[in-house]
Amino acid sequence: MIKIVDKTYCCGCGACEQICAKKAIQLIPDNEGFWYPEVNEEICVECGLCIKSCPVINQNDEREPHEVYAAVNKDESIRKKSSSGGIFSIVAEEVLEKGGVVFGVRFNENWDVIFDYFESIDKIDNFRRSKYVQAKVGDSYKDVLRFLKQGKYVLFTGTPCQIAGLRLFLRREYENLILMDVICEGVPSPKLWRMYLEEEFSKQCKQAIASYPNLSTKELVIKDISFRNKESGWNRFSFSLNLTKRRNDGGDSPILYSYVNRDSAYMQAMFNYLDLRPICYVCPFKQCKSYSDITIADYWGIDKLHPEFNDNRGASMIFIHTEKGKSILTLEKMSYIKTNYEESFKFNNVITSSKKHPRREAFYKKIDSCESIISLLEYYTPTPTDIVKAWVKKLMNFLLPPSFCNYLLSKWRGQ
């Protein structure tokens, strides 16, 4: 049976839980909010399938893609609604046109991040855009197998560990299955996301009510969340949270209030690698080891490598690994250039894992006792502006009387 002694040896993909016919395995969140398998030994018959399905134990070899592209969707309306170049939409559309099913990640009604599937194009908006939270796979692997046995064409998109987990869960190749992963820097905790969202929502409700005094907090609901809002350009993306007024008939209402923040505490923690799952710092799925058919990602560095292709509206990197992957990619819907594997290393986490933040453990030990998760995040990952202000304050305290320093700081803050 599977036992997790060292948490850097579990990616939380859920393959062991889903393959267990006796339902002896459950994914249980730890104090940090990450899921790990726990085995009910009274039910377990020690068949060993959980061990055989674990992608960390059964790792693939490193490999290189056959072809590499920098690409964008020719449909600007789709590209605008996507985190980078809108390539997921092109592949998904092709699968749907074949009468297939597309698996991916969306928000549920509580704005938690979950795996789900869709079979019609009108659902695709929910699955676009990056979501920087570890998504719960649930029964998605079982659903994939069910559709494959029905002869359906299936596209499954996820992180490399989830792709590797699905491959081992299935235990054989399927010609009607396309696997597409993303180049992943690591996944933050769902628990942390929930804590941050609840505090941020409360904070922004107060701001909205200040602008609309007739409103109450109970009337406000979240209409949309974007981790990568591109209104100020792809290179200067922001976290955004849009609020609307609740309708009694459950219908749709226009956006009432928008909060856009490039220096979001949650995003700063993500990109400083403060809040990732332990295995993400020693990721065993780098260098294309998931054995997906296609890999997609933001093409960071395109402005330096191929400035003629950069317009600051988002560009995607595409790795083609198999003939199946190549056949499903409709080049006619893309503007693209061919690039190469080696030049992607410098700006993207293709072959190396994210560097662990030196204070990660100290941060997670405090999340349950802190008064404000946003303040705690800001303390451990200050923005450049915060750092400059701190140094200025120290210098002023050294050179000037404290009372005068406080006066100047209050003026700087606009108080």
Protein backbone atom coordinates (compact mmCIF):
# COMPACT_ATOMS: atom_id res chain seq x y z
CA MET A 1 0.00 0.00 0.00
CA ILE A 2 1.05 3.59 -0.51
CA LYS A 3 2.42 5.48 2.50
CA ILE A 4 3.63 9.07 2.46
CA VAL A 5 6.53 9.50 4.85
CA ASP A 6 8.22 12.42 3.06
CA LYS A 7 5.79 14.93 1.53
CA THR A 8 8.23 15.80 -1.23
CA TYR A 9 7.32 12.39 -2.71
CA CYS A 10 3.63 13.11 -3.30
CA CYS A 11 2.16 15.40 -5.97
CA GLY A 12 -1.49 14.96 -4.91
CA CYS A 13 -2.56 13.83 -8.38
CA GLY A 14 -5.19 11.46 -6.96
CA ALA A 15 -4.35 8.46 -9.16
CA CYS A 16 -3.95 6.17 -6.14
CA GLU A 17 -7.31 7.20 -4.71
CA GLN A 18 -9.18 6.70 -7.99
CA ILE A 19 -7.64 3.36 -8.91
CA CYS A 20 -8.49 1.74 -5.57
CA ALA A 21 -11.49 -0.53 -6.20
CA LYS A 22 -12.01 -0.97 -2.47
CA LYS A 23 -12.11 2.79 -1.83
CA ALA A 24 -9.51 2.31 0.86
CA ILE A 25 -7.67 5.52 -0.03
CA GLN A 26 -8.81 9.08 0.64
CA LEU A 27 -7.04 12.33 -0.12
CA ILE A 28 -6.97 14.30 3.13
CA PRO A 29 -5.70 17.90 3.43
CA ASP A 30 -2.82 18.50 5.84
CA ASN A 31 -2.39 21.62 7.98
CA GLU A 32 -1.09 23.53 4.94
CA GLY A 33 -4.16 22.57 2.91
CA PHE A 34 -2.49 20.16 0.47
CA TRP A 35 -4.06 16.73 -0.17
CA TYR A 36 -2.22 13.50 0.71
CA PRO A 37 -3.45 9.89 0.51
CA GLU A 38 -4.47 8.09 3.69
CA VAL A 39 -5.10 4.34 3.57
CA ASN A 40 -7.74 2.54 5.57
CA GLU A 41 -5.74 -0.60 6.33
CA GLU A 42 -8.84 -2.52 7.43
CA ILE A 43 -10.25 -2.26 3.89
CA CYS A 44 -6.99 -2.44 1.91
CA VAL A 45 -6.28 -5.84 0.28
CA GLU A 46 -2.71 -4.83 -0.67
CA CYS A 47 -3.25 -5.35 -4.40
CA GLY A 48 -0.47 -2.85 -5.15
CA LEU A 49 -2.38 -0.84 -7.77
CA CYS A 50 -1.86 2.37 -5.82
CA ILE A 51 1.91 1.85 -6.01
CA LYS A 52 1.74 1.06 -9.74
CA SER A 53 -0.34 4.18 -10.44
CA CYS A 54 1.91 6.62 -8.59
CA PRO A 55 3.73 8.88 -11.09
CA VAL A 56 6.39 9.83 -8.53
CA ILE A 57 7.36 6.20 -7.98
CA ASN A 58 7.03 5.26 -11.66
CA GLN A 59 8.76 8.12 -13.45
CA ASN A 60 9.27 8.40 -17.19
CA ASP A 61 12.54 9.28 -18.91
CA GLU A 62 13.47 12.80 -19.96
CA ARG A 63 12.73 13.68 -23.57
CA GLU A 64 12.73 16.59 -26.00
CA PRO A 65 9.82 17.79 -28.13
CA HIS A 66 9.76 17.13 -31.87
CA GLU A 67 8.74 20.69 -32.71
CA VAL A 68 8.49 23.99 -30.81
CA TYR A 69 6.36 27.00 -31.74
CA ALA A 70 5.65 30.49 -30.53
CA ALA A 71 2.01 31.04 -31.41
CA VAL A 72 -1.12 33.13 -30.92
CA ASN A 73 -4.75 32.54 -31.78
CA LYS A 74 -5.77 34.53 -34.86
CA ASP A 75 -9.11 35.26 -33.22
CA GLU A 76 -8.27 38.31 -31.10
CA SER A 77 -11.48 38.04 -29.08
CA ILE A 78 -10.41 34.58 -27.85
CA ARG A 79 -6.84 35.69 -27.26
CA LYS A 80 -8.09 38.58 -25.16
CA LYS A 81 -10.03 36.19 -22.93
CA SER A 82 -7.00 33.86 -22.51
CA SER A 83 -4.00 34.14 -20.19
CA SER A 84 -1.48 34.01 -23.03
CA GLY A 85 -1.97 33.19 -26.72
CA GLY A 86 -5.29 31.32 -26.67
CA ILE A 87 -3.95 27.95 -27.88
CA PHE A 88 -5.99 25.83 -25.46
CA SER A 89 -9.11 27.08 -27.24
CA ILE A 90 -7.84 25.94 -30.66
CA VAL A 91 -7.15 22.39 -29.46
CA ALA A 92 -10.40 22.21 -27.48
CA GLU A 93 -12.44 23.39 -30.48
CA GLU A 94 -10.92 20.69 -32.68
CA VAL A 95 -11.83 17.97 -30.16
CA LEU A 96 -15.38 19.29 -29.77
CA GLU A 97 -15.82 19.33 -33.57
CA LYS A 98 -15.02 15.59 -33.49
CA GLY A 99 -17.85 15.09 -31.01
CA GLY A 100 -15.37 14.76 -28.17
CA VAL A 101 -15.04 15.76 -24.52
CA VAL A 102 -12.62 18.30 -23.04
CA PHE A 103 -11.33 18.06 -19.46
CA GLY A 104 -9.81 21.05 -17.72
CA VAL A 105 -9.97 23.29 -14.68
CA ARG A 106 -12.68 25.76 -13.71
CA PHE A 107 -14.03 27.61 -10.69
CA ASN A 108 -17.03 26.09 -8.92
CA GLU A 109 -19.86 28.13 -7.41
CA ASN A 110 -17.71 28.87 -4.34
CA TRP A 111 -14.69 29.92 -6.44
CA ASP A 112 -12.71 26.84 -5.50
CA VAL A 113 -10.68 25.34 -8.37
CA ILE A 114 -11.83 21.94 -9.60
CA PHE A 115 -11.49 19.58 -12.57
CA ASP A 116 -14.50 19.17 -14.81
CA TYR A 117 -15.35 18.48 -18.45
CA PHE A 118 -17.48 20.02 -21.18
CA GLU A 119 -18.93 18.79 -24.46
CA SER A 120 -20.20 22.02 -26.05
CA ILE A 121 -18.36 25.18 -27.06
CA ASP A 122 -20.60 27.47 -24.98
CA LYS A 123 -18.92 26.12 -21.81
CA ILE A 124 -15.34 26.86 -22.86
CA ASP A 125 -15.08 30.32 -21.22
CA ASN A 126 -15.16 28.71 -17.76
CA PHE A 127 -12.04 26.68 -18.59
CA ARG A 128 -9.91 29.45 -20.09
CA ARG A 129 -7.23 31.38 -18.19
CA SER A 130 -4.65 30.23 -15.65
CA LYS A 131 -5.80 29.42 -12.12
CA TYR A 132 -2.98 29.48 -9.59
CA VAL A 133 -4.32 26.94 -7.11
CA GLN A 134 -3.93 23.17 -6.94
CA ALA A 135 -7.12 21.84 -8.53
CA LYS A 136 -8.92 18.86 -7.06
CA VAL A 137 -8.97 16.07 -9.65
CA GLY A 138 -11.97 14.36 -8.03
CA ASP A 139 -13.25 11.47 -10.19
CA SER A 140 -11.96 12.96 -13.45
CA TYR A 141 -9.70 10.00 -14.28
CA LYS A 142 -12.65 7.63 -13.94
CA ASP A 143 -14.74 9.93 -16.13
CA VAL A 144 -11.98 9.97 -18.78
CA LEU A 145 -11.93 6.16 -18.81
CA ARG A 146 -15.72 6.02 -19.12
CA PHE A 147 -15.72 8.31 -22.17
CA LEU A 148 -12.80 6.47 -23.77
CA LYS A 149 -14.63 3.15 -23.46
CA GLN A 150 -17.62 4.78 -25.16
CA GLY A 151 -15.35 5.58 -28.10
CA LYS A 152 -15.41 9.31 -27.44
CA TYR A 153 -12.50 11.52 -28.41
CA VAL A 154 -11.07 12.99 -25.18
CA LEU A 155 -8.75 15.92 -24.45
CA PHE A 156 -7.37 16.04 -20.92
CA THR A 157 -5.46 19.17 -19.86
CA GLY A 158 -3.61 19.60 -16.58
CA THR A 159 -0.25 19.95 -14.88
CA PRO A 160 2.49 17.43 -15.79
CA CYS A 161 1.96 15.40 -12.59
CA GLN A 162 -1.77 15.11 -13.28
CA ILE A 163 -1.08 13.99 -16.86
CA ALA A 164 1.43 11.39 -15.62
CA GLY A 165 -1.05 10.21 -12.99
CA LEU A 166 -3.81 9.76 -15.57
CA ARG A 167 -1.52 7.76 -17.88
CA LEU A 168 -0.69 5.32 -15.09
CA PHE A 169 -4.31 5.13 -13.94
CA LEU A 170 -5.41 4.10 -17.45
CA ARG A 171 -2.64 1.44 -17.71
CA ARG A 172 -2.74 1.40 -21.52
CA GLU A 173 -2.63 3.71 -24.55
CA TYR A 174 -5.81 5.02 -26.16
CA GLU A 175 -5.79 6.40 -29.71
CA ASN A 176 -8.81 8.57 -28.91
CA LEU A 177 -7.06 10.34 -26.00
CA ILE A 178 -5.04 13.57 -26.29
CA LEU A 179 -2.99 14.62 -23.25
CA MET A 180 -2.00 18.27 -22.98
CA ASP A 181 -0.02 19.68 -20.05
CA VAL A 182 1.27 23.11 -19.08
CA ILE A 183 4.76 24.15 -18.03
CA CYS A 184 4.16 24.50 -14.32
CA GLU A 185 6.06 26.53 -11.71
CA GLY A 186 4.21 24.87 -8.84
CA VAL A 187 0.81 24.89 -7.14
CA PRO A 188 -0.30 26.94 -4.10
CA SER A 189 -2.51 25.52 -1.39
CA PRO A 190 -6.33 25.48 -1.87
CA LYS A 191 -6.67 26.35 1.81
CA LEU A 192 -4.48 29.43 1.38
CA TRP A 193 -6.50 30.48 -1.67
CA ARG A 194 -9.75 30.18 0.30
CA MET A 195 -8.34 32.25 3.18
CA TYR A 196 -7.03 34.92 0.83
CA LEU A 197 -10.22 35.10 -1.24
CA GLU A 198 -12.51 35.45 1.77
CA GLU A 199 -10.42 38.28 3.21
CA GLU A 200 -10.02 40.03 -0.14
CA PHE A 201 -13.73 39.72 -0.88
CA SER A 202 -14.62 41.25 2.50
CA LYS A 203 -12.12 44.04 1.95
CA GLN A 204 -13.40 44.87 -1.54
CA CYS A 205 -17.03 44.74 -0.42
CA LYS A 206 -16.26 47.56 2.01
CA GLN A 207 -14.67 49.55 -0.80
CA ALA A 208 -17.67 48.95 -3.06
CA ILE A 209 -20.13 50.00 -0.34
CA ALA A 210 -18.15 53.20 0.15
CA SER A 211 -18.90 53.98 -3.50
CA TYR A 212 -22.49 52.67 -3.38
CA PRO A 213 -23.81 53.49 0.14
CA ASN A 214 -27.22 51.92 -0.54
CA LEU A 215 -25.66 48.48 -0.94
CA SER A 216 -25.06 45.90 1.79
CA THR A 217 -22.43 43.16 1.92
CA LYS A 218 -25.16 40.50 1.62
CA GLU A 219 -26.16 41.91 -1.78
CA LEU A 220 -22.66 41.62 -3.27
CA VAL A 221 -21.32 38.51 -4.98
CA ILE A 222 -18.25 37.72 -7.06
CA LYS A 223 -18.91 37.85 -10.79
CA ASP A 224 -15.43 37.07 -12.09
CA ILE A 225 -11.85 36.43 -10.96
CA SER A 226 -8.75 36.65 -13.14
CA PHE A 227 -5.27 35.81 -11.91
CA ARG A 228 -3.87 37.22 -15.14
CA ASN A 229 -5.85 40.30 -16.17
CA LYS A 230 -4.22 41.72 -19.35
CA GLU A 231 -5.87 45.14 -19.44
CA SER A 232 -2.49 46.82 -18.86
CA GLY A 233 -0.71 44.42 -21.19
CA TRP A 234 0.45 40.82 -21.00
CA ASN A 235 3.80 41.73 -19.45
CA ARG A 236 2.11 43.77 -16.71
CA PHE A 237 -0.76 41.45 -15.81
CA SER A 238 -2.77 41.93 -12.64
CA PHE A 239 -5.03 40.02 -10.28
CA SER A 240 -8.62 41.20 -10.69
CA LEU A 241 -11.83 40.63 -8.75
CA ASN A 242 -15.18 41.81 -10.13
CA LEU A 243 -18.26 42.20 -7.94
CA THR A 244 -21.90 42.43 -8.89
CA LYS A 245 -25.24 42.82 -7.10
CA ARG A 246 -27.09 39.62 -6.26
CA ARG A 247 -30.35 39.15 -8.13
CA ASN A 248 -33.32 37.44 -6.50
CA ASP A 249 -34.15 35.56 -9.70
CA GLY A 250 -30.61 34.19 -9.96
CA GLY A 251 -30.04 36.00 -13.25
CA ASP A 252 -26.90 37.70 -14.48
CA SER A 253 -26.06 41.27 -13.45
CA PRO A 254 -23.45 43.66 -14.87
CA ILE A 255 -20.15 44.28 -13.10
CA LEU A 256 -20.69 46.80 -10.33
CA TYR A 257 -17.19 47.11 -8.89
CA SER A 258 -13.73 46.07 -10.14
CA TYR A 259 -10.57 45.57 -8.12
CA VAL A 260 -7.36 45.27 -10.12
CA ASN A 261 -4.01 44.87 -8.36
CA ARG A 262 -0.66 44.14 -9.99
CA ASP A 263 0.94 43.74 -6.54
CA SER A 264 -1.65 41.28 -5.17
CA ALA A 265 -0.24 39.62 -2.05
CA TYR A 266 -1.41 36.21 -3.26
CA MET A 267 0.31 36.58 -6.63
CA GLN A 268 3.48 37.95 -5.07
CA ALA A 269 3.67 34.84 -2.89
CA MET A 270 3.12 32.61 -5.90
CA PHE A 271 5.88 34.20 -7.95
CA ASN A 272 8.28 34.28 -5.01
CA TYR A 273 7.62 30.54 -4.54
CA LEU A 274 6.54 31.02 -0.93
CA ASP A 275 3.37 28.90 -0.95
CA LEU A 276 3.97 25.92 -3.24
CA ARG A 277 3.42 22.23 -2.54
CA PRO A 278 6.64 20.66 -1.15
CA ILE A 279 7.23 18.44 -4.22
CA CYS A 280 7.11 21.46 -6.54
CA TYR A 281 10.58 22.51 -5.39
CA VAL A 282 12.00 19.17 -6.58
CA CYS A 283 9.51 18.50 -9.38
CA PRO A 284 10.10 15.03 -10.93
CA PHE A 285 8.14 15.90 -14.10
CA LYS A 286 10.41 18.52 -15.65
CA GLN A 287 12.01 17.99 -19.07
CA CYS A 288 8.76 16.69 -20.59
CA LYS A 289 8.61 13.60 -18.36
CA SER A 290 4.80 13.55 -18.17
CA TYR A 291 4.69 12.03 -21.68
CA SER A 292 1.91 14.32 -22.84
CA ASP A 293 1.11 14.74 -26.55
CA ILE A 294 1.31 18.53 -26.38
CA THR A 295 2.75 21.00 -23.87
CA ILE A 296 1.58 24.61 -23.79
CA ALA A 297 2.79 27.58 -21.74
CA ASP A 298 3.28 31.32 -21.70
CA TYR A 299 6.22 32.16 -23.94
CA TRP A 300 8.05 34.39 -21.48
CA GLY A 301 11.11 35.96 -23.07
CA ILE A 302 9.52 36.19 -26.52
CA ASP A 303 10.14 39.96 -26.41
CA LYS A 304 13.87 39.28 -26.19
CA LEU A 305 14.16 36.14 -28.31
CA HIS A 306 11.77 37.12 -31.09
CA PRO A 307 10.72 40.75 -30.56
CA GLU A 308 9.13 40.87 -34.00
CA PHE A 309 6.52 38.37 -32.75
CA ASN A 310 5.73 40.19 -29.51
CA ASP A 311 2.84 42.65 -29.24
CA ASN A 312 2.32 42.46 -25.44
CA ARG A 313 -1.10 40.80 -25.85
CA GLY A 314 0.07 37.28 -24.96
CA ALA A 315 2.05 34.58 -26.74
CA SER A 316 2.03 30.82 -26.18
CA MET A 317 4.84 28.29 -26.30
CA ILE A 318 3.89 24.94 -27.83
CA PHE A 319 5.84 21.68 -27.61
CA ILE A 320 4.72 18.94 -30.00
CA HIS A 321 5.67 15.51 -28.66
CA THR A 322 3.67 13.03 -30.73
CA GLU A 323 1.93 12.64 -34.08
CA LYS A 324 -1.40 12.68 -32.23
CA GLY A 325 -0.46 16.03 -30.76
CA LYS A 326 0.54 17.44 -34.13
CA SER A 327 -2.62 16.20 -35.84
CA ILE A 328 -4.94 17.94 -33.35
CA LEU A 329 -3.22 21.34 -33.63
CA THR A 330 -4.92 23.43 -36.32
CA LEU A 331 -2.10 25.65 -37.61
CA GLU A 332 -4.51 27.56 -39.85
CA LYS A 333 -6.08 29.12 -36.74
CA MET A 334 -2.71 30.35 -35.44
CA SER A 335 -0.12 32.98 -36.21
CA TYR A 336 3.16 31.26 -35.37
CA ILE A 337 6.89 30.93 -35.80
CA LYS A 338 9.06 27.89 -35.24
CA THR A 339 11.51 28.21 -32.35
CA ASN A 340 13.66 25.66 -30.53
CA TYR A 341 13.72 23.80 -27.23
CA GLU A 342 16.99 25.19 -25.87
CA GLU A 343 16.07 28.86 -26.10
CA SER A 344 13.00 28.30 -23.93
CA PHE A 345 15.12 27.38 -20.87
CA LYS A 346 16.31 30.86 -19.95
CA PHE A 347 12.92 32.43 -19.30
CA ASN A 348 10.70 29.45 -18.47
CA ASN A 349 10.77 26.61 -15.91
CA VAL A 350 11.13 23.92 -18.54
CA ILE A 351 13.95 21.88 -17.02
CA THR A 352 14.39 23.32 -13.50
CA SER A 353 12.10 23.43 -10.48
CA SER A 354 11.08 26.60 -8.68
CA LYS A 355 13.54 27.70 -6.02
CA LYS A 356 12.12 27.23 -2.56
CA HIS A 357 11.50 30.40 -0.57
CA PRO A 358 13.79 30.30 2.50
CA ARG A 359 10.92 31.17 4.84
CA ARG A 360 8.26 28.88 3.39
CA GLU A 361 7.88 26.64 6.46
CA ALA A 362 7.78 29.63 8.82
CA PHE A 363 4.99 31.14 6.71
CA TYR A 364 2.80 28.03 6.69
CA LYS A 365 3.20 27.56 10.45
CA LYS A 366 1.52 30.95 10.99
CA ILE A 367 -1.41 30.82 8.58
CA ASP A 368 -3.89 29.41 11.14
CA SER A 369 -2.99 31.89 13.88
CA CYS A 370 -2.60 35.11 11.88
CA GLU A 371 -5.18 37.87 12.11
CA SER A 372 -4.85 38.74 8.41
CA ILE A 373 -3.62 36.35 5.72
CA ILE A 374 -3.02 39.30 3.38
CA SER A 375 -0.77 41.00 5.94
CA LEU A 376 1.09 37.73 6.51
CA LEU A 377 1.64 37.27 2.77
CA GLU A 378 2.84 40.86 2.46
CA TYR A 379 5.25 40.38 5.36
CA TYR A 380 6.90 37.36 3.78
CA THR A 381 6.88 38.63 0.18
CA PRO A 382 7.13 42.43 0.22
CA THR A 383 6.80 44.20 -3.12
CA PRO A 384 9.66 46.39 -4.44
CA THR A 385 7.66 49.44 -3.34
CA ASP A 386 7.40 48.05 0.20
CA ILE A 387 11.16 47.43 0.30
CA VAL A 388 11.96 50.97 -0.87
CA LYS A 389 9.59 52.46 1.71
CA ALA A 390 11.21 50.40 4.49
CA TRP A 391 14.70 51.56 3.53
CA VAL A 392 13.58 55.18 3.25
CA LYS A 393 11.99 54.96 6.69
CA LYS A 394 15.22 53.54 8.18
CA LEU A 395 17.29 56.26 6.55
CA MET A 396 14.94 59.01 7.70
CA ASN A 397 14.93 57.68 11.26
CA PHE A 398 18.70 57.73 11.22
CA LEU A 399 18.99 61.29 9.87
CA LEU A 400 15.91 63.09 11.20
CA PRO A 401 13.84 63.35 14.43
CA PRO A 402 11.12 60.62 14.65
CA SER A 403 8.25 63.14 14.79
CA PHE A 404 9.39 64.79 11.56
CA CYS A 405 9.85 61.37 9.92
CA ASN A 406 6.28 60.37 10.78
CA TYR A 407 5.02 63.67 9.38
CA LEU A 408 6.82 63.11 6.06
CA LEU A 409 5.62 59.49 5.84
CA SER A 410 2.03 60.56 6.43
CA LYS A 411 2.33 63.07 3.59
CA TRP A 412 3.82 60.39 1.30
CA ARG A 413 0.87 58.10 2.05
CA GLY A 414 -1.56 60.91 1.34
CA GLN A 415 -2.91 61.06 4.89
